[in-house]
């Protein structure tokens, strides 16, 4: 049987991932609304909603891609 580690191990460092922000498609009302919600959320510091809007914009109808 092996002995347990009796000393602290170094912290695991994870890379910082900064993905570019999703952009709305010109002329799409759904994209425009998501961008507006994102802008209002950012203005009040609601970064969870900002992140959600970026995900929704990235997935907003697959036909945009």
C-alpha atoms as a PDB file:
ATOM      1  CA  UNK A   1       0.000   0.000   0.000  1.00  0.00           C
ATOM      2  CA  UNK A   2       1.329   3.461  -0.827  1.00  0.00           C
ATOM      3  CA  UNK A   3       1.730   6.260   1.681  1.00  0.00           C
ATOM      4  CA  UNK A   4      -0.559   9.303   1.318  1.00  0.00           C
ATOM      5  CA  UNK A   5       1.000  12.580   0.239  1.00  0.00           C
ATOM      6  CA  UNK A   6       1.865  14.568   3.348  1.00  0.00           C
ATOM      7  CA  UNK A   7       2.776  17.853   1.695  1.00  0.00           C
ATOM      8  CA  UNK A   8       0.699  20.362  -0.202  1.00  0.00           C
ATOM      9  CA  UNK A   9       0.748  20.121  -3.950  1.00  0.00           C
ATOM     10  CA  UNK A  10       1.020  23.214  -6.171  1.00  0.00           C
ATOM     11  CA  UNK A  11      -2.151  24.817  -7.463  1.00  0.00           C
ATOM     12  CA  UNK A  12      -3.359  23.892 -10.927  1.00  0.00           C
ATOM     13  CA  UNK A  13      -3.227  26.895 -13.248  1.00  0.00           C
ATOM     14  CA  UNK A  14      -5.888  27.039 -15.932  1.00  0.00           C
ATOM     15  CA  UNK A  15      -5.543  29.238 -19.030  1.00  0.00           C
ATOM     16  CA  UNK A  16      -7.652  32.378 -19.283  1.00  0.00           C
ATOM     17  CA  UNK A  17     -10.062  32.034 -22.193  1.00  0.00           C
ATOM     18  CA  UNK A  18     -11.361  35.267 -23.674  1.00  0.00           C
ATOM     19  CA  UNK A  19     -13.644  34.405 -26.552  1.00  0.00           C
ATOM     20  CA  UNK A  20     -14.676  37.266 -28.830  1.00  0.00           C
ATOM     21  CA  UNK A  21     -18.140  38.627 -28.160  1.00  0.00           C
ATOM     22  CA  UNK A  22     -20.920  37.471 -30.493  1.00  0.00           C
ATOM     23  CA  UNK A  23     -22.195  40.076 -32.931  1.00  0.00           C
ATOM     24  CA  UNK A  24     -25.818  40.526 -34.028  1.00  0.00           C
ATOM     25  CA  UNK A  25     -26.771  39.809 -37.638  1.00  0.00           C
ATOM     26  CA  UNK A  26     -27.747  42.930 -39.571  1.00  0.00           C
ATOM     27  CA  UNK A  27     -31.504  43.199 -40.092  1.00  0.00           C
ATOM     28  CA  UNK A  28     -32.489  40.460 -37.614  1.00  0.00           C
ATOM     29  CA  UNK A  29     -34.933  41.671 -34.950  1.00  0.00           C
ATOM     30  CA  UNK A  30     -34.077  38.759 -32.627  1.00  0.00           C
ATOM     31  CA  UNK A  31     -30.373  39.550 -32.753  1.00  0.00           C
ATOM     32  CA  UNK A  32     -31.040  43.255 -32.209  1.00  0.00           C
ATOM     33  CA  UNK A  33     -33.140  42.516 -29.113  1.00  0.00           C
ATOM     34  CA  UNK A  34     -30.473  40.228 -27.656  1.00  0.00           C
ATOM     35  CA  UNK A  35     -27.814  42.889 -28.278  1.00  0.00           C
ATOM     36  CA  UNK A  36     -29.999  45.514 -26.545  1.00  0.00           C
ATOM     37  CA  UNK A  37     -30.562  43.259 -23.526  1.00  0.00           C
ATOM     38  CA  UNK A  38     -26.819  42.585 -23.391  1.00  0.00           C
ATOM     39  CA  UNK A  39     -26.021  46.314 -23.484  1.00  0.00           C
ATOM     40  CA  UNK A  40     -28.516  47.086 -20.698  1.00  0.00           C
ATOM     41  CA  UNK A  41     -27.191  44.210 -18.576  1.00  0.00           C
ATOM     42  CA  UNK A  42     -23.607  45.382 -19.030  1.00  0.00           C
ATOM     43  CA  UNK A  43     -24.610  48.918 -17.981  1.00  0.00           C
ATOM     44  CA  UNK A  44     -25.823  47.632 -14.597  1.00  0.00           C
ATOM     45  CA  UNK A  45     -22.991  45.126 -14.131  1.00  0.00           C
ATOM     46  CA  UNK A  46     -25.072  41.982 -14.739  1.00  0.00           C
ATOM     47  CA  UNK A  47     -22.334  39.955 -16.402  1.00  0.00           C
ATOM     48  CA  UNK A  48     -24.295  36.706 -16.118  1.00  0.00           C
ATOM     49  CA  UNK A  49     -26.938  38.088 -18.464  1.00  0.00           C
ATOM     50  CA  UNK A  50     -24.223  39.503 -20.741  1.00  0.00           C
ATOM     51  CA  UNK A  51     -22.717  36.031 -20.996  1.00  0.00           C
ATOM     52  CA  UNK A  52     -26.126  34.433 -21.595  1.00  0.00           C
ATOM     53  CA  UNK A  53     -26.886  36.904 -24.393  1.00  0.00           C
ATOM     54  CA  UNK A  54     -23.539  36.115 -26.030  1.00  0.00           C
ATOM     55  CA  UNK A  55     -24.396  32.413 -25.978  1.00  0.00           C
ATOM     56  CA  UNK A  56     -27.892  33.047 -27.386  1.00  0.00           C
ATOM     57  CA  UNK A  57     -26.492  35.332 -30.101  1.00  0.00           C
ATOM     58  CA  UNK A  58     -23.951  32.672 -31.047  1.00  0.00           C
ATOM     59  CA  UNK A  59     -26.681  30.043 -31.330  1.00  0.00           C
ATOM     60  CA  UNK A  60     -29.431  32.288 -32.735  1.00  0.00           C
ATOM     61  CA  UNK A  61     -30.900  30.618 -35.702  1.00  0.00           C
ATOM     62  CA  UNK A  62     -28.360  28.388 -37.254  1.00  0.00           C
ATOM     63  CA  UNK A  63     -29.376  29.893 -40.621  1.00  0.00           C
ATOM     64  CA  UNK A  64     -27.357  32.996 -39.716  1.00  0.00           C
ATOM     65  CA  UNK A  65     -24.088  31.149 -40.158  1.00  0.00           C
END
